[in-house]
Amino acid sequence: MDRVDLPEEKRALPTALFGLPLGRIAIAFAAVVALGVYVGILLFGPNSLTVLLGLEEQRSIYESRIRSLKAENAALQKEYFELKQLEPEQ
């Protein structure tokens, strides 16, 4: 007896698609979606963007502090060598 010959009330919903049970397909689909959301949050989420922007701001502050300390160091070295030349040689 063919499926087409069965009365409407006896036709069942398909239990497999591409030879796999629908339950497993649904679980696999949910796992792929969950993994995609998780990776999206890691790469593009508010926490990662916030951390990145904070680190960039901190880096620019440190770089400006380094420049000012180098300039101060150069001035102090110049003063040191000038004072050293004023001392009598021993």
N, C-alpha and C. Protein backbone atom coordinates (compact mmCIF):
# COMPACT_ATOMS: atom_id res chain seq x y z
N MET A 1 0.83 -1.17 0.00
CA MET A 1 0.00 0.00 0.00
C MET A 1 0.88 1.25 0.00
N ASP A 2 0.64 2.18 -0.90
CA ASP A 2 1.41 3.42 -1.01
C ASP A 2 0.95 4.43 0.02
N ARG A 3 1.83 5.40 0.29
CA ARG A 3 1.45 6.48 1.21
C ARG A 3 0.32 7.30 0.63
N VAL A 4 0.30 7.42 -0.66
CA VAL A 4 -0.73 8.21 -1.31
C VAL A 4 -2.10 7.55 -1.13
N ASP A 5 -2.14 6.23 -1.04
CA ASP A 5 -3.40 5.51 -0.90
C ASP A 5 -3.98 5.60 0.51
N LEU A 6 -3.19 6.02 1.49
CA LEU A 6 -3.70 6.09 2.86
C LEU A 6 -4.68 7.24 3.01
N PRO A 7 -5.65 7.07 3.85
CA PRO A 7 -6.58 8.17 4.10
C PRO A 7 -5.84 9.32 4.82
N GLU A 8 -6.39 10.51 4.76
CA GLU A 8 -5.77 11.70 5.32
C GLU A 8 -5.44 11.55 6.80
N GLU A 9 -6.30 10.97 7.60
CA GLU A 9 -6.09 10.88 9.04
C GLU A 9 -4.96 9.92 9.41
N LYS A 10 -4.59 9.03 8.52
CA LYS A 10 -3.56 8.06 8.84
C LYS A 10 -2.17 8.50 8.38
N ARG A 11 -2.05 9.59 7.63
CA ARG A 11 -0.75 10.08 7.20
C ARG A 11 -0.05 10.70 8.41
N ALA A 12 1.17 10.29 8.63
CA ALA A 12 1.94 10.81 9.77
C ALA A 12 2.90 11.90 9.29
N LEU A 13 3.31 12.73 10.21
CA LEU A 13 4.31 13.74 9.90
C LEU A 13 5.63 13.04 9.62
N PRO A 14 6.47 13.62 8.79
CA PRO A 14 7.76 12.97 8.52
C PRO A 14 8.61 12.93 9.80
N THR A 15 9.21 11.79 10.02
CA THR A 15 10.03 11.63 11.22
C THR A 15 11.51 11.74 10.89
N ALA A 16 11.85 11.87 9.62
CA ALA A 16 13.26 11.97 9.26
C ALA A 16 13.41 12.89 8.06
N LEU A 17 14.52 13.56 8.02
CA LEU A 17 14.83 14.45 6.91
C LEU A 17 16.28 14.16 6.54
N PHE A 18 16.53 13.86 5.30
CA PHE A 18 17.86 13.45 4.83
C PHE A 18 18.37 12.24 5.60
N GLY A 19 17.50 11.39 6.05
CA GLY A 19 17.89 10.19 6.75
C GLY A 19 18.22 10.40 8.22
N LEU A 20 18.03 11.61 8.74
CA LEU A 20 18.30 11.91 10.15
C LEU A 20 17.00 12.21 10.87
N PRO A 21 16.88 11.78 12.12
CA PRO A 21 15.67 12.10 12.88
C PRO A 21 15.54 13.61 13.08
N LEU A 22 14.31 14.10 13.08
CA LEU A 22 14.06 15.53 13.22
C LEU A 22 14.55 16.06 14.57
N GLY A 23 14.49 15.24 15.60
CA GLY A 23 14.96 15.66 16.92
C GLY A 23 16.45 15.99 16.90
N ARG A 24 17.22 15.15 16.24
CA ARG A 24 18.67 15.40 16.16
C ARG A 24 18.98 16.62 15.30
N ILE A 25 18.19 16.79 14.25
CA ILE A 25 18.38 17.97 13.41
C ILE A 25 18.08 19.23 14.21
N ALA A 26 17.03 19.20 15.02
CA ALA A 26 16.66 20.36 15.84
C ALA A 26 17.75 20.64 16.88
N ILE A 27 18.30 19.60 17.49
CA ILE A 27 19.36 19.78 18.48
C ILE A 27 20.61 20.34 17.82
N ALA A 28 20.97 19.83 16.66
CA ALA A 28 22.15 20.32 15.94
C ALA A 28 21.96 21.78 15.54
N PHE A 29 20.77 22.12 15.07
CA PHE A 29 20.48 23.50 14.68
C PHE A 29 20.58 24.43 15.88
N ALA A 30 20.02 24.02 17.02
CA ALA A 30 20.09 24.83 18.23
C ALA A 30 21.54 25.00 18.70
N ALA A 31 22.35 23.95 18.59
CA ALA A 31 23.75 24.04 18.99
C ALA A 31 24.52 24.99 18.09
N VAL A 32 24.26 24.95 16.79
CA VAL A 32 24.94 25.86 15.86
C VAL A 32 24.54 27.30 16.13
N VAL A 33 23.27 27.54 16.37
CA VAL A 33 22.80 28.90 16.66
C VAL A 33 23.41 29.40 17.98
N ALA A 34 23.42 28.55 19.01
CA ALA A 34 23.99 28.94 20.29
C ALA A 34 25.48 29.25 20.16
N LEU A 35 26.20 28.42 19.44
CA LEU A 35 27.62 28.66 19.23
C LEU A 35 27.85 29.95 18.46
N GLY A 36 27.04 30.21 17.48
CA GLY A 36 27.15 31.46 16.71
C GLY A 36 26.90 32.68 17.57
N VAL A 37 25.90 32.61 18.42
CA VAL A 37 25.61 33.74 19.32
C VAL A 37 26.76 33.94 20.29
N TYR A 38 27.28 32.85 20.83
CA TYR A 38 28.40 32.93 21.79
C TYR A 38 29.63 33.56 21.15
N VAL A 39 29.99 33.12 19.96
CA VAL A 39 31.14 33.67 19.26
C VAL A 39 30.89 35.13 18.91
N GLY A 40 29.68 35.46 18.51
CA GLY A 40 29.34 36.86 18.22
C GLY A 40 29.49 37.75 19.43
N ILE A 41 29.08 37.27 20.58
CA ILE A 41 29.22 38.05 21.81
C ILE A 41 30.69 38.23 22.16
N LEU A 42 31.48 37.17 21.99
CA LEU A 42 32.91 37.27 22.30
C LEU A 42 33.61 38.27 21.39
N LEU A 43 33.28 38.25 20.11
CA LEU A 43 33.98 39.11 19.16
C LEU A 43 33.43 40.53 19.11
N PHE A 44 32.13 40.68 19.20
CA PHE A 44 31.51 41.97 18.96
C PHE A 44 30.66 42.47 20.12
N GLY A 45 30.68 41.80 21.24
CA GLY A 45 29.83 42.16 22.36
C GLY A 45 30.27 43.43 23.06
N PRO A 46 29.42 43.94 23.92
CA PRO A 46 29.74 45.19 24.61
C PRO A 46 30.93 45.07 25.55
N ASN A 47 31.14 43.91 26.15
CA ASN A 47 32.29 43.76 27.04
C ASN A 47 33.59 43.85 26.28
N SER A 48 33.70 43.18 25.16
CA SER A 48 34.95 43.19 24.42
C SER A 48 35.22 44.57 23.82
N LEU A 49 34.22 45.23 23.34
CA LEU A 49 34.39 46.57 22.79
C LEU A 49 34.77 47.55 23.90
N THR A 50 34.15 47.43 25.05
CA THR A 50 34.46 48.31 26.17
C THR A 50 35.89 48.11 26.62
N VAL A 51 36.32 46.88 26.72
CA VAL A 51 37.70 46.60 27.12
C VAL A 51 38.68 47.16 26.10
N LEU A 52 38.40 46.99 24.82
CA LEU A 52 39.28 47.49 23.78
C LEU A 52 39.41 49.01 23.85
N LEU A 53 38.29 49.71 23.97
CA LEU A 53 38.34 51.17 24.03
C LEU A 53 39.07 51.64 25.28
N GLY A 54 38.86 50.97 26.41
CA GLY A 54 39.57 51.32 27.64
C GLY A 54 41.06 51.13 27.51
N LEU A 55 41.46 50.03 26.88
CA LEU A 55 42.89 49.78 26.69
C LEU A 55 43.53 50.79 25.74
N GLU A 56 42.80 51.18 24.71
CA GLU A 56 43.34 52.18 23.78
C GLU A 56 43.51 53.52 24.48
N GLU A 57 42.55 53.90 25.32
CA GLU A 57 42.65 55.15 26.06
C GLU A 57 43.82 55.09 27.04
N GLN A 58 43.97 53.98 27.73
CA GLN A 58 45.07 53.81 28.67
C GLN A 58 46.41 53.86 27.95
N ARG A 59 46.48 53.28 26.78
CA ARG A 59 47.73 53.31 26.00
C ARG A 59 48.10 54.73 25.62
N SER A 60 47.12 55.52 25.17
CA SER A 60 47.43 56.90 24.78
C SER A 60 47.88 57.72 25.99
N ILE A 61 47.30 57.47 27.17
CA ILE A 61 47.73 58.15 28.39
C ILE A 61 49.16 57.78 28.72
N TYR A 62 49.48 56.48 28.63
CA TYR A 62 50.85 56.03 28.93
C TYR A 62 51.85 56.61 27.93
N GLU A 63 51.48 56.67 26.66
CA GLU A 63 52.40 57.21 25.66
C GLU A 63 52.68 58.68 25.90
N SER A 64 51.67 59.45 26.27
CA SER A 64 51.91 60.87 26.56
C SER A 64 52.75 61.03 27.83
N ARG A 65 52.53 60.18 28.81
CA ARG A 65 53.35 60.21 30.03
C ARG A 65 54.80 59.86 29.73
N ILE A 66 55.02 58.90 28.84
CA ILE A 66 56.39 58.52 28.45
C ILE A 66 57.08 59.70 27.76
N ARG A 67 56.36 60.38 26.86
CA ARG A 67 56.96 61.53 26.18
C ARG A 67 57.34 62.62 27.16
N SER A 68 56.47 62.91 28.12
CA SER A 68 56.79 63.96 29.09
C SER A 68 57.95 63.54 29.99
N LEU A 69 58.02 62.28 30.39
CA LEU A 69 59.13 61.81 31.22
C LEU A 69 60.45 61.83 30.46
N LYS A 70 60.43 61.51 29.15
CA LYS A 70 61.65 61.59 28.35
C LYS A 70 62.15 63.02 28.25
N ALA A 71 61.22 63.95 28.05
CA ALA A 71 61.62 65.36 27.97
C ALA A 71 62.19 65.82 29.31
N GLU A 72 61.55 65.43 30.40
CA GLU A 72 62.05 65.80 31.73
C GLU A 72 63.42 65.16 31.98
N ASN A 73 63.60 63.93 31.57
CA ASN A 73 64.87 63.24 31.74
C ASN A 73 65.97 63.96 30.95
N ALA A 74 65.68 64.37 29.73
CA ALA A 74 66.68 65.08 28.92
C ALA A 74 67.08 66.39 29.58
N ALA A 75 66.11 67.12 30.11
CA ALA A 75 66.42 68.38 30.78
C ALA A 75 67.27 68.15 32.02
N LEU A 76 66.94 67.12 32.79
CA LEU A 76 67.71 66.83 34.00
C LEU A 76 69.12 66.35 33.66
N GLN A 77 69.27 65.56 32.59
CA GLN A 77 70.61 65.13 32.18
C GLN A 77 71.45 66.33 31.74
N LYS A 78 70.83 67.25 31.03
CA LYS A 78 71.54 68.45 30.59
C LYS A 78 72.01 69.24 31.81
N GLU A 79 71.14 69.41 32.77
CA GLU A 79 71.49 70.13 34.00
C GLU A 79 72.60 69.39 34.75
N TYR A 80 72.54 68.08 34.82
CA TYR A 80 73.54 67.28 35.50
C TYR A 80 74.92 67.47 34.87
N PHE A 81 74.98 67.39 33.54
CA PHE A 81 76.27 67.53 32.87
C PHE A 81 76.81 68.95 32.98
N GLU A 82 75.92 69.95 32.99
CA GLU A 82 76.37 71.32 33.20
C GLU A 82 76.95 71.49 34.59
N LEU A 83 76.30 70.92 35.59
CA LEU A 83 76.81 71.00 36.96
C LEU A 83 78.11 70.22 37.12
N LYS A 84 78.23 69.12 36.45
CA LYS A 84 79.43 68.30 36.55
C LYS A 84 80.64 69.02 35.97
N GLN A 85 80.45 69.82 34.94
CA GLN A 85 81.56 70.57 34.35
C GLN A 85 82.03 71.69 35.26
N LEU A 86 81.15 72.18 36.14
CA LEU A 86 81.52 73.25 37.04
C LEU A 86 82.38 72.74 38.19
N GLU A 87 82.33 71.48 38.50
CA GLU A 87 83.11 70.92 39.60
C GLU A 87 84.58 70.83 39.20
N PRO A 88 85.48 71.06 40.14
CA PRO A 88 86.90 70.90 39.80
C PRO A 88 87.23 69.43 39.58
N GLU A 89 88.18 69.19 38.67
CA GLU A 89 88.58 67.81 38.40
C GLU A 89 89.43 67.28 39.52
N GLN A 90 89.29 66.05 39.87
CA GLN A 90 90.04 65.48 40.98
C GLN A 90 91.01 64.45 40.54
